[in-house]
Amino acid sequence: MRWKQKHTSLLVIATGFAILFLVFKNYWLLAPVAISVLGFAISPFGEIIHWAWLMLAKVLGYINSRILLFLIFFVILTPIAFLRKLFGKKNLPNNHSINSYFQIRNKRYQASDLQNPW
């Protein structure tokens, strides 16, 4: 499994930079392709490239998840919460003369009440 993962990573790197070379016509983009091909030939070198690729993926995943969560929370959820607070219905009555909002329910539960709670 490890051998297949290493070679898959090297193929992804080589293919990605080869496509970038074809699009942008910059010859420096061929260097990662050559390094990936060298990684196929020399196994320890390929392991180092594979490890570096996985570390880059972990770092980018860590950063991107934090950025995306931040943006979703502050760009989408916070305005929705403010709008709901402004225009939503009041869940509690505005009766300030009472000490508690607790309501006593005198209900005798039967076995049929617990058969299908949802």
Protein backbone atom coordinates (compact mmCIF):
# COMPACT_ATOMS: atom_id res chain seq x y z
CA MET A 1 0.00 0.00 0.00
CA ARG A 2 2.81 2.40 0.86
CA TRP A 3 4.52 1.74 -2.50
CA LYS A 4 1.32 2.53 -4.36
CA GLN A 5 0.75 5.73 -2.35
CA LYS A 6 4.29 6.94 -3.02
CA HIS A 7 4.01 6.37 -6.73
CA THR A 8 0.57 7.96 -6.85
CA SER A 9 1.91 11.08 -5.15
CA LEU A 10 4.84 11.28 -7.55
CA LEU A 11 2.52 10.85 -10.54
CA VAL A 12 0.20 13.59 -9.28
CA ILE A 13 3.10 16.01 -8.81
CA ALA A 14 4.60 15.21 -12.22
CA THR A 15 1.26 15.42 -14.05
CA GLY A 16 0.23 18.63 -12.33
CA PHE A 17 3.44 20.45 -13.13
CA ALA A 18 3.50 19.06 -16.69
CA ILE A 19 0.02 20.53 -17.25
CA LEU A 20 1.16 23.85 -15.76
CA PHE A 21 4.14 23.80 -18.13
CA LEU A 22 1.85 23.23 -21.12
CA VAL A 23 -0.41 26.10 -20.07
CA PHE A 24 2.17 28.72 -19.04
CA LYS A 25 5.20 27.65 -21.15
CA ASN A 26 7.64 28.31 -18.29
CA TYR A 27 10.58 25.94 -18.36
CA TRP A 28 11.11 26.10 -14.59
CA LEU A 29 7.87 24.12 -14.26
CA LEU A 30 9.67 21.11 -15.75
CA ALA A 31 12.00 20.88 -12.74
CA PRO A 32 9.37 19.27 -10.44
CA VAL A 33 8.54 16.83 -13.23
CA ALA A 34 12.21 15.82 -13.46
CA ILE A 35 12.45 15.54 -9.67
CA SER A 36 9.35 13.30 -9.62
CA VAL A 37 10.80 11.07 -12.32
CA LEU A 38 14.02 10.91 -10.29
CA GLY A 39 11.88 9.87 -7.31
CA PHE A 40 10.66 6.87 -9.30
CA ALA A 41 14.24 5.82 -10.01
CA ILE A 42 15.64 6.35 -6.49
CA SER A 43 13.25 4.95 -3.91
CA PRO A 44 14.53 6.82 -0.79
CA PHE A 45 14.35 10.09 -2.71
CA GLY A 46 10.78 9.24 -3.71
CA GLU A 47 9.93 8.59 -0.05
CA ILE A 48 11.21 12.05 0.88
CA ILE A 49 9.14 13.67 -1.88
CA HIS A 50 6.07 11.68 -0.82
CA TRP A 51 6.55 12.68 2.83
CA ALA A 52 6.96 16.37 1.88
CA TRP A 53 3.83 16.19 -0.28
CA LEU A 54 1.80 14.74 2.60
CA MET A 55 3.12 17.35 5.04
CA LEU A 56 2.17 20.11 2.60
CA ALA A 57 -1.31 18.60 2.32
CA LYS A 58 -1.68 18.47 6.12
CA VAL A 59 -0.57 22.08 6.57
CA LEU A 60 -2.86 23.34 3.80
CA GLY A 61 -5.76 21.31 5.18
CA TYR A 62 -5.22 22.69 8.67
CA ILE A 63 -5.08 26.28 7.43
CA ASN A 64 -7.93 25.99 4.92
CA SER A 65 -10.32 24.37 7.38
CA ARG A 66 -9.77 27.20 9.88
CA ILE A 67 -10.20 29.87 7.22
CA LEU A 68 -13.34 28.28 5.79
CA LEU A 69 -14.91 27.80 9.21
CA PHE A 70 -14.11 31.43 10.10
CA LEU A 71 -15.64 32.74 6.87
CA ILE A 72 -18.75 30.59 7.12
CA PHE A 73 -19.34 31.65 10.71
CA PHE A 74 -18.78 35.38 10.33
CA VAL A 75 -20.05 35.90 6.77
CA ILE A 76 -23.09 33.60 6.81
CA LEU A 77 -24.13 32.61 10.32
CA THR A 78 -23.56 35.89 12.18
CA PRO A 79 -25.72 38.05 9.85
CA ILE A 80 -28.45 35.41 9.92
CA ALA A 81 -28.36 35.44 13.73
CA PHE A 82 -28.59 39.25 13.83
CA LEU A 83 -31.51 39.27 11.39
CA ARG A 84 -33.32 36.61 13.35
CA LYS A 85 -32.74 38.55 16.55
CA LEU A 86 -34.15 41.71 14.97
CA PHE A 87 -37.12 40.28 13.10
CA GLY A 88 -37.80 36.96 14.81
CA LYS A 89 -40.58 36.20 17.24
CA LYS A 90 -40.00 36.39 20.95
CA ASN A 91 -39.73 32.97 22.56
CA LEU A 92 -40.29 34.21 26.11
CA PRO A 93 -43.18 36.40 27.21
CA ASN A 94 -42.33 39.95 28.27
CA ASN A 95 -43.99 39.61 31.63
CA HIS A 96 -41.46 41.06 34.08
CA SER A 97 -43.74 40.70 37.08
CA ILE A 98 -43.16 36.96 37.41
CA ASN A 99 -40.12 35.44 39.08
CA SER A 100 -39.79 32.35 36.90
CA TYR A 101 -40.75 31.19 33.43
CA PHE A 102 -41.07 27.59 34.58
CA GLN A 103 -44.48 26.07 33.82
CA ILE A 104 -45.79 23.24 35.91
CA ARG A 105 -47.27 20.38 33.90
CA ASN A 106 -49.44 17.97 35.80
CA LYS A 107 -49.55 15.09 33.37
CA ARG A 108 -49.70 11.47 34.25
CA TYR A 109 -47.55 9.56 31.76
CA GLN A 110 -48.83 6.29 30.36
CA ALA A 111 -46.88 3.44 28.78
CA SER A 112 -48.18 4.51 25.36
CA ASP A 113 -46.42 7.90 25.78
CA LEU A 114 -43.05 6.14 25.80
CA GLN A 115 -43.70 3.73 22.92
CA ASN A 116 -42.68 6.09 20.12
CA PRO A 117 -41.05 9.23 21.55
CA TRP A 118 -40.19 10.65 18.12
